[in-house]
Amino acid sequence: MNLIAPLLSQAGIVADQTFSSKKKLLEHAADLFERLIGLKRQEVFDSLFERERLGSTALGYGVAIPHGRIKSLKEAAGAFYRLRPPLEFDSPDGLPIDLCFILLVPQNANELHLQILGELAQMLGDAGMRERLLAAEPAELHKLLTTWTP
């Protein structure tokens, strides 16, 4: 099992949604985490938005991993977005993103945070995995993400 599987429920996957801006995507994610695990929408949005202000969390190749620390969170949580059409995200390669994993971690989860980010970067850095995620039916996305092995 990978580190991502326990973070991601089927309800935490949003497929083929359109967003007009990075801010709109982060607002949607804040609403999603509020519905899924009861976090305060504003706390989630502020954490994600502040991290983006420090520098884009886009990795290139159409991938971004926005992440934030949440004081009230006890365990890491995630959501996955497949965007249609791709969204401008200030990527280092200049390409818009179409795959986005949003990660929230507890305020003091330093080592775990880095391990999860590393695994996400490895998973989404794999060209074959990106192709499978882009081609999959929405119902298949959860299985692809949670059964991937590093």
N, C-alpha and C. Protein backbone atom coordinates (compact mmCIF):
# COMPACT_ATOMS: atom_id res chain seq x y z
N MET A 1 0.84 -1.19 0.00
CA MET A 1 0.00 0.00 0.00
C MET A 1 0.88 1.25 0.00
N ASN A 2 0.42 2.28 -0.67
CA ASN A 2 1.17 3.52 -0.71
C ASN A 2 0.68 4.47 0.39
N LEU A 3 1.40 5.57 0.59
CA LEU A 3 1.03 6.55 1.62
C LEU A 3 -0.21 7.35 1.26
N ILE A 4 -0.57 7.35 -0.02
CA ILE A 4 -1.69 8.16 -0.49
C ILE A 4 -3.03 7.47 -0.20
N ALA A 5 -3.06 6.14 -0.24
CA ALA A 5 -4.32 5.40 -0.09
C ALA A 5 -5.13 5.80 1.14
N PRO A 6 -4.53 5.91 2.33
CA PRO A 6 -5.35 6.26 3.50
C PRO A 6 -5.86 7.71 3.50
N LEU A 7 -5.33 8.54 2.62
CA LEU A 7 -5.68 9.97 2.60
C LEU A 7 -6.87 10.27 1.70
N LEU A 8 -7.21 9.34 0.83
CA LEU A 8 -8.09 9.66 -0.29
C LEU A 8 -9.31 8.76 -0.33
N SER A 9 -10.48 9.36 -0.18
CA SER A 9 -11.73 8.62 -0.33
C SER A 9 -12.24 8.81 -1.76
N GLN A 10 -13.16 7.96 -2.16
CA GLN A 10 -13.78 8.11 -3.48
C GLN A 10 -14.42 9.49 -3.61
N ALA A 11 -15.01 9.98 -2.52
CA ALA A 11 -15.66 11.30 -2.52
C ALA A 11 -14.65 12.44 -2.63
N GLY A 12 -13.38 12.15 -2.41
CA GLY A 12 -12.33 13.15 -2.51
C GLY A 12 -11.73 13.26 -3.90
N ILE A 13 -12.40 12.67 -4.88
CA ILE A 13 -11.92 12.75 -6.26
C ILE A 13 -12.91 13.56 -7.08
N VAL A 14 -12.37 14.57 -7.75
CA VAL A 14 -13.18 15.44 -8.60
C VAL A 14 -12.63 15.30 -10.02
N ALA A 15 -13.46 14.80 -10.91
CA ALA A 15 -13.00 14.52 -12.28
C ALA A 15 -13.65 15.45 -13.29
N ASP A 16 -12.81 15.98 -14.16
CA ASP A 16 -13.25 16.72 -15.34
C ASP A 16 -14.04 17.99 -15.01
N GLN A 17 -13.63 18.65 -13.96
CA GLN A 17 -14.24 19.91 -13.54
C GLN A 17 -13.47 21.07 -14.19
N THR A 18 -14.18 22.16 -14.42
CA THR A 18 -13.58 23.36 -15.00
C THR A 18 -13.48 24.44 -13.94
N PHE A 19 -12.31 25.07 -13.87
CA PHE A 19 -12.10 26.19 -12.95
C PHE A 19 -11.52 27.36 -13.74
N SER A 20 -11.95 28.57 -13.40
CA SER A 20 -11.49 29.75 -14.13
C SER A 20 -10.17 30.29 -13.59
N SER A 21 -9.77 29.85 -12.38
CA SER A 21 -8.53 30.35 -11.79
C SER A 21 -8.03 29.40 -10.71
N LYS A 22 -6.78 29.59 -10.34
CA LYS A 22 -6.19 28.84 -9.23
C LYS A 22 -6.99 29.10 -7.95
N LYS A 23 -7.40 30.35 -7.74
CA LYS A 23 -8.17 30.71 -6.55
C LYS A 23 -9.49 29.93 -6.49
N LYS A 24 -10.18 29.82 -7.62
CA LYS A 24 -11.45 29.08 -7.67
C LYS A 24 -11.24 27.59 -7.35
N LEU A 25 -10.15 27.03 -7.83
CA LEU A 25 -9.84 25.64 -7.52
C LEU A 25 -9.62 25.47 -6.02
N LEU A 26 -8.84 26.36 -5.41
CA LEU A 26 -8.56 26.25 -3.98
C LEU A 26 -9.82 26.48 -3.14
N GLU A 27 -10.70 27.37 -3.60
CA GLU A 27 -11.98 27.57 -2.90
C GLU A 27 -12.82 26.30 -2.95
N HIS A 28 -12.85 25.66 -4.11
CA HIS A 28 -13.61 24.41 -4.25
C HIS A 28 -13.03 23.35 -3.31
N ALA A 29 -11.70 23.25 -3.26
CA ALA A 29 -11.06 22.27 -2.38
C ALA A 29 -11.41 22.55 -0.92
N ALA A 30 -11.42 23.82 -0.53
CA ALA A 30 -11.78 24.17 0.85
C ALA A 30 -13.20 23.72 1.17
N ASP A 31 -14.11 23.94 0.24
CA ASP A 31 -15.50 23.48 0.42
C ASP A 31 -15.56 21.95 0.51
N LEU A 32 -14.78 21.28 -0.33
CA LEU A 32 -14.77 19.82 -0.35
C LEU A 32 -14.28 19.27 0.99
N PHE A 33 -13.18 19.82 1.52
CA PHE A 33 -12.66 19.33 2.81
C PHE A 33 -13.63 19.66 3.95
N GLU A 34 -14.35 20.74 3.84
CA GLU A 34 -15.35 21.05 4.85
C GLU A 34 -16.44 19.97 4.85
N ARG A 35 -16.90 19.61 3.66
CA ARG A 35 -17.95 18.58 3.55
C ARG A 35 -17.44 17.20 3.96
N LEU A 36 -16.22 16.86 3.53
CA LEU A 36 -15.71 15.51 3.76
C LEU A 36 -15.28 15.25 5.20
N ILE A 37 -14.56 16.20 5.79
CA ILE A 37 -14.00 15.92 7.12
C ILE A 37 -14.26 17.02 8.14
N GLY A 38 -15.11 17.97 7.80
CA GLY A 38 -15.55 18.96 8.77
C GLY A 38 -14.57 20.07 9.10
N LEU A 39 -13.57 20.26 8.26
CA LEU A 39 -12.64 21.36 8.49
C LEU A 39 -13.30 22.69 8.17
N LYS A 40 -12.81 23.75 8.77
CA LYS A 40 -13.34 25.08 8.46
C LYS A 40 -12.83 25.50 7.09
N ARG A 41 -13.77 25.81 6.24
CA ARG A 41 -13.46 26.18 4.85
C ARG A 41 -12.41 27.28 4.77
N GLN A 42 -12.58 28.33 5.56
CA GLN A 42 -11.67 29.47 5.49
C GLN A 42 -10.26 29.08 5.93
N GLU A 43 -10.14 28.23 6.94
CA GLU A 43 -8.82 27.79 7.41
C GLU A 43 -8.10 27.01 6.31
N VAL A 44 -8.83 26.15 5.62
CA VAL A 44 -8.24 25.36 4.53
C VAL A 44 -7.82 26.29 3.40
N PHE A 45 -8.72 27.16 2.97
CA PHE A 45 -8.39 28.07 1.87
C PHE A 45 -7.18 28.94 2.22
N ASP A 46 -7.18 29.52 3.41
CA ASP A 46 -6.07 30.40 3.81
C ASP A 46 -4.74 29.67 3.79
N SER A 47 -4.73 28.44 4.29
CA SER A 47 -3.49 27.66 4.33
C SER A 47 -2.98 27.36 2.91
N LEU A 48 -3.88 26.92 2.04
CA LEU A 48 -3.49 26.60 0.66
C LEU A 48 -3.07 27.86 -0.10
N PHE A 49 -3.82 28.94 0.07
CA PHE A 49 -3.55 30.17 -0.66
C PHE A 49 -2.22 30.78 -0.21
N GLU A 50 -1.97 30.76 1.11
CA GLU A 50 -0.70 31.30 1.62
C GLU A 50 0.49 30.51 1.07
N ARG A 51 0.35 29.19 0.98
CA ARG A 51 1.45 28.38 0.44
C ARG A 51 1.69 28.73 -1.03
N GLU A 52 0.63 28.95 -1.79
CA GLU A 52 0.79 29.32 -3.20
C GLU A 52 1.44 30.70 -3.35
N ARG A 53 1.18 31.59 -2.40
CA ARG A 53 1.80 32.92 -2.46
C ARG A 53 3.32 32.83 -2.29
N LEU A 54 3.79 31.81 -1.58
CA LEU A 54 5.23 31.61 -1.42
C LEU A 54 5.88 31.15 -2.72
N GLY A 55 5.11 30.52 -3.57
CA GLY A 55 5.61 29.99 -4.84
C GLY A 55 4.66 28.90 -5.31
N SER A 56 4.54 28.77 -6.59
CA SER A 56 3.61 27.80 -7.15
C SER A 56 3.98 26.37 -6.73
N THR A 57 2.97 25.58 -6.44
CA THR A 57 3.17 24.17 -6.11
C THR A 57 3.07 23.29 -7.36
N ALA A 58 3.05 23.90 -8.53
CA ALA A 58 3.07 23.13 -9.77
C ALA A 58 4.46 22.54 -9.96
N LEU A 59 4.49 21.29 -10.40
CA LEU A 59 5.76 20.60 -10.60
C LEU A 59 6.22 20.63 -12.05
N GLY A 60 5.29 20.92 -12.96
CA GLY A 60 5.55 20.77 -14.38
C GLY A 60 4.82 19.54 -14.88
N TYR A 61 4.88 19.31 -16.19
CA TYR A 61 4.23 18.15 -16.83
C TYR A 61 2.73 18.11 -16.57
N GLY A 62 2.11 19.27 -16.28
CA GLY A 62 0.66 19.30 -16.06
C GLY A 62 0.23 18.89 -14.67
N VAL A 63 1.15 18.92 -13.70
CA VAL A 63 0.88 18.44 -12.35
C VAL A 63 1.11 19.54 -11.32
N ALA A 64 0.24 19.59 -10.31
CA ALA A 64 0.44 20.47 -9.15
C ALA A 64 0.06 19.72 -7.88
N ILE A 65 0.74 20.06 -6.79
CA ILE A 65 0.44 19.46 -5.49
C ILE A 65 0.31 20.58 -4.45
N PRO A 66 -0.80 21.32 -4.49
CA PRO A 66 -1.02 22.33 -3.46
C PRO A 66 -1.11 21.64 -2.09
N HIS A 67 -0.50 22.25 -1.08
CA HIS A 67 -0.52 21.63 0.24
C HIS A 67 -0.52 22.69 1.32
N GLY A 68 -1.04 22.30 2.47
CA GLY A 68 -1.12 23.23 3.57
C GLY A 68 -1.16 22.52 4.91
N ARG A 69 -0.83 23.27 5.94
CA ARG A 69 -0.86 22.77 7.32
C ARG A 69 -2.10 23.32 8.01
N ILE A 70 -2.79 22.45 8.74
CA ILE A 70 -4.03 22.81 9.40
C ILE A 70 -3.92 22.47 10.89
N LYS A 71 -4.07 23.48 11.75
CA LYS A 71 -3.94 23.28 13.20
C LYS A 71 -4.90 22.23 13.74
N SER A 72 -6.15 22.26 13.31
CA SER A 72 -7.17 21.38 13.88
C SER A 72 -7.16 19.97 13.29
N LEU A 73 -6.31 19.71 12.33
CA LEU A 73 -6.28 18.41 11.65
C LEU A 73 -5.46 17.40 12.47
N LYS A 74 -6.00 16.20 12.63
CA LYS A 74 -5.31 15.14 13.39
C LYS A 74 -4.51 14.21 12.48
N GLU A 75 -5.01 13.97 11.25
CA GLU A 75 -4.34 13.09 10.30
C GLU A 75 -4.36 13.74 8.92
N ALA A 76 -3.36 13.43 8.12
CA ALA A 76 -3.28 13.97 6.77
C ALA A 76 -4.52 13.59 5.96
N ALA A 77 -4.88 14.46 5.02
CA ALA A 77 -6.04 14.23 4.16
C ALA A 77 -5.72 14.73 2.76
N GLY A 78 -6.36 14.14 1.77
CA GLY A 78 -6.09 14.54 0.40
C GLY A 78 -7.33 14.56 -0.47
N ALA A 79 -7.19 15.26 -1.58
CA ALA A 79 -8.22 15.29 -2.62
C ALA A 79 -7.49 15.32 -3.97
N PHE A 80 -8.08 14.68 -4.95
CA PHE A 80 -7.47 14.63 -6.28
C PHE A 80 -8.42 15.26 -7.29
N TYR A 81 -7.86 16.11 -8.13
CA TYR A 81 -8.63 16.79 -9.18
C TYR A 81 -8.02 16.47 -10.54
N ARG A 82 -8.89 16.08 -11.48
CA ARG A 82 -8.50 16.02 -12.89
C ARG A 82 -9.27 17.15 -13.56
N LEU A 83 -8.55 18.10 -14.10
CA LEU A 83 -9.15 19.33 -14.62
C LEU A 83 -9.33 19.26 -16.13
N ARG A 84 -10.47 19.72 -16.59
CA ARG A 84 -10.75 19.83 -18.02
C ARG A 84 -11.45 21.15 -18.25
N PRO A 85 -10.94 22.06 -18.96
CA PRO A 85 -9.61 22.07 -19.58
C PRO A 85 -8.53 22.32 -18.54
N PRO A 86 -7.26 22.14 -18.93
CA PRO A 86 -6.16 22.42 -18.00
C PRO A 86 -6.20 23.89 -17.53
N LEU A 87 -5.59 24.12 -16.37
CA LEU A 87 -5.64 25.42 -15.70
C LEU A 87 -4.24 26.01 -15.57
N GLU A 88 -4.10 27.29 -15.92
CA GLU A 88 -2.82 27.99 -15.71
C GLU A 88 -2.49 27.96 -14.22
N PHE A 89 -1.23 27.62 -13.88
CA PHE A 89 -0.88 27.44 -12.48
C PHE A 89 0.54 27.90 -12.18
N ASP A 90 1.10 28.75 -13.04
CA ASP A 90 2.48 29.23 -12.85
C ASP A 90 3.48 28.08 -12.75
N SER A 91 3.36 27.13 -13.64
CA SER A 91 4.24 25.96 -13.64
C SER A 91 5.64 26.33 -14.09
N PRO A 92 6.65 25.63 -13.59
CA PRO A 92 8.03 25.94 -14.01
C PRO A 92 8.26 25.71 -15.50
N ASP A 93 7.50 24.79 -16.12
CA ASP A 93 7.66 24.55 -17.56
C ASP A 93 6.67 25.36 -18.40
N GLY A 94 5.85 26.19 -17.72
CA GLY A 94 4.91 27.04 -18.43
C GLY A 94 3.63 26.34 -18.88
N LEU A 95 3.52 25.04 -18.63
CA LEU A 95 2.34 24.30 -19.06
C LEU A 95 1.22 24.42 -18.02
N PRO A 96 -0.04 24.45 -18.46
CA PRO A 96 -1.15 24.44 -17.50
C PRO A 96 -1.24 23.06 -16.85
N ILE A 97 -1.95 22.97 -15.74
CA ILE A 97 -2.09 21.69 -15.05
C ILE A 97 -3.43 21.04 -15.36
N ASP A 98 -3.42 19.72 -15.41
CA ASP A 98 -4.66 18.98 -15.51
C ASP A 98 -4.78 17.91 -14.44
N LEU A 99 -3.71 17.68 -13.68
CA LEU A 99 -3.73 16.74 -12.56
C LEU A 99 -3.29 17.49 -11.30
N CYS A 100 -4.09 17.40 -10.25
CA CYS A 100 -3.83 18.19 -9.05
C CYS A 100 -4.19 17.36 -7.82
N PHE A 101 -3.21 17.14 -6.97
CA PHE A 101 -3.47 16.47 -5.69
C PHE A 101 -3.31 17.51 -4.60
N ILE A 102 -4.36 17.71 -3.81
CA ILE A 102 -4.32 18.69 -2.73
C ILE A 102 -4.13 17.94 -1.42
N LEU A 103 -3.07 18.30 -0.71
CA LEU A 103 -2.69 17.62 0.53
C LEU A 103 -2.80 18.57 1.71
N LEU A 104 -3.47 18.09 2.75
CA LEU A 104 -3.52 18.81 4.02
C LEU A 104 -2.89 17.93 5.09
N VAL A 105 -2.06 18.55 5.93
CA VAL A 105 -1.41 17.81 7.01
C VAL A 105 -1.59 18.56 8.32
N PRO A 106 -1.47 17.84 9.45
CA PRO A 106 -1.51 18.52 10.74
C PRO A 106 -0.36 19.53 10.85
N GLN A 107 -0.53 20.51 11.70
CA GLN A 107 0.45 21.60 11.86
C GLN A 107 1.88 21.09 12.07
N ASN A 108 2.06 20.03 12.85
CA ASN A 108 3.41 19.58 13.21
C ASN A 108 3.85 18.29 12.51
N ALA A 109 3.27 17.96 11.40
CA ALA A 109 3.56 16.68 10.73
C ALA A 109 4.71 16.79 9.74
N ASN A 110 5.86 17.25 10.18
CA ASN A 110 6.98 17.53 9.27
C ASN A 110 7.45 16.32 8.48
N GLU A 111 7.85 15.25 9.15
CA GLU A 111 8.41 14.09 8.46
C GLU A 111 7.37 13.42 7.56
N LEU A 112 6.18 13.21 8.09
CA LEU A 112 5.11 12.59 7.29
C LEU A 112 4.77 13.44 6.07
N HIS A 113 4.69 14.74 6.28
CA HIS A 113 4.40 15.69 5.19
C HIS A 113 5.40 15.50 4.05
N LEU A 114 6.67 15.46 4.39
CA LEU A 114 7.71 15.31 3.37
C LEU A 114 7.65 13.95 2.69
N GLN A 115 7.35 12.90 3.44
CA GLN A 115 7.24 11.56 2.85
C GLN A 115 6.08 11.50 1.86
N ILE A 116 4.94 12.06 2.25
CA ILE A 116 3.77 12.03 1.35
C ILE A 116 4.04 12.87 0.11
N LEU A 117 4.60 14.08 0.29
CA LEU A 117 4.92 14.92 -0.88
C LEU A 117 5.89 14.21 -1.81
N GLY A 118 6.87 13.52 -1.24
CA GLY A 118 7.83 12.78 -2.06
C GLY A 118 7.17 11.67 -2.86
N GLU A 119 6.26 10.95 -2.21
CA GLU A 119 5.56 9.87 -2.91
C GLU A 119 4.64 10.42 -3.99
N LEU A 120 3.95 11.52 -3.69
CA LEU A 120 3.09 12.14 -4.71
C LEU A 120 3.91 12.61 -5.91
N ALA A 121 5.06 13.23 -5.64
CA ALA A 121 5.92 13.69 -6.73
C ALA A 121 6.41 12.51 -7.56
N GLN A 122 6.74 11.41 -6.91
CA GLN A 122 7.19 10.22 -7.63
C GLN A 122 6.05 9.65 -8.48
N MET A 123 4.87 9.53 -7.89
CA MET A 123 3.72 8.98 -8.60
C MET A 123 3.34 9.84 -9.80
N LEU A 124 3.16 11.14 -9.56
CA LEU A 124 2.70 12.03 -10.62
C LEU A 124 3.82 12.44 -11.56
N GLY A 125 5.05 12.14 -11.18
CA GLY A 125 6.19 12.38 -12.06
C GLY A 125 6.38 11.28 -13.10
N ASP A 126 5.67 10.19 -12.93
CA ASP A 126 5.75 9.05 -13.84
C ASP A 126 4.84 9.30 -15.05
N ALA A 127 5.43 9.39 -16.24
CA ALA A 127 4.66 9.70 -17.45
C ALA A 127 3.55 8.68 -17.70
N GLY A 128 3.82 7.41 -17.47
CA GLY A 128 2.81 6.38 -17.68
C GLY A 128 1.63 6.54 -16.73
N MET A 129 1.93 6.88 -15.49
CA MET A 129 0.86 7.09 -14.51
C MET A 129 0.02 8.30 -14.90
N ARG A 130 0.66 9.37 -15.32
CA ARG A 130 -0.09 10.56 -15.76
C ARG A 130 -1.01 10.21 -16.92
N GLU A 131 -0.50 9.45 -17.87
CA GLU A 131 -1.32 9.05 -19.02
C GLU A 131 -2.53 8.23 -18.58
N ARG A 132 -2.31 7.29 -17.65
CA ARG A 132 -3.43 6.46 -17.16
C ARG A 132 -4.46 7.33 -16.44
N LEU A 133 -4.00 8.28 -15.63
CA LEU A 133 -4.93 9.15 -14.91
C LEU A 133 -5.73 10.03 -15.86
N LEU A 134 -5.10 10.50 -16.92
CA LEU A 134 -5.79 11.36 -17.88
C LEU A 134 -6.79 10.57 -18.73
N ALA A 135 -6.50 9.30 -18.99
CA ALA A 135 -7.36 8.49 -19.86
C ALA A 135 -8.46 7.74 -19.11
N ALA A 136 -8.31 7.58 -17.81
CA ALA A 136 -9.22 6.73 -17.03
C ALA A 136 -10.62 7.31 -16.95
N GLU A 137 -11.58 6.40 -16.82
CA GLU A 137 -12.95 6.80 -16.49
C GLU A 137 -12.92 7.35 -15.07
N PRO A 138 -13.78 8.32 -14.75
CA PRO A 138 -13.77 8.90 -13.40
C PRO A 138 -13.84 7.85 -12.28
N ALA A 139 -14.62 6.81 -12.48
CA ALA A 139 -14.77 5.78 -11.44
C ALA A 139 -13.49 4.99 -11.20
N GLU A 140 -12.55 5.02 -12.16
CA GLU A 140 -11.31 4.26 -12.04
C GLU A 140 -10.20 5.04 -11.33
N LEU A 141 -10.35 6.34 -11.18
CA LEU A 141 -9.28 7.18 -10.65
C LEU A 141 -8.87 6.78 -9.24
N HIS A 142 -9.84 6.53 -8.37
CA HIS A 142 -9.52 6.17 -6.98
C HIS A 142 -8.64 4.92 -6.93
N LYS A 143 -9.01 3.90 -7.69
CA LYS A 143 -8.23 2.66 -7.70
C LYS A 143 -6.82 2.89 -8.22
N LEU A 144 -6.69 3.66 -9.30
CA LEU A 144 -5.35 3.95 -9.83
C LEU A 144 -4.46 4.62 -8.79
N LEU A 145 -5.01 5.59 -8.09
CA LEU A 145 -4.22 6.35 -7.11
C LEU A 145 -3.90 5.54 -5.86
N THR A 146 -4.84 4.75 -5.40
CA THR A 146 -4.64 4.05 -4.13
C THR A 146 -3.91 2.71 -4.26
N THR A 147 -3.81 2.18 -5.47
CA THR A 147 -3.10 0.92 -5.65
C THR A 147 -1.72 1.09 -6.28
N TRP A 148 -1.37 2.31 -6.63
CA TRP A 148 -0.04 2.59 -7.19
C TRP A 148 1.02 2.18 -6.17
N THR A 149 2.10 1.59 -6.65
CA THR A 149 3.18 1.23 -5.74
C THR A 149 4.48 1.93 -6.13
N PRO A 150 5.16 2.48 -5.14
CA PRO A 150 6.42 3.20 -5.41
C PRO A 150 7.53 2.26 -5.85
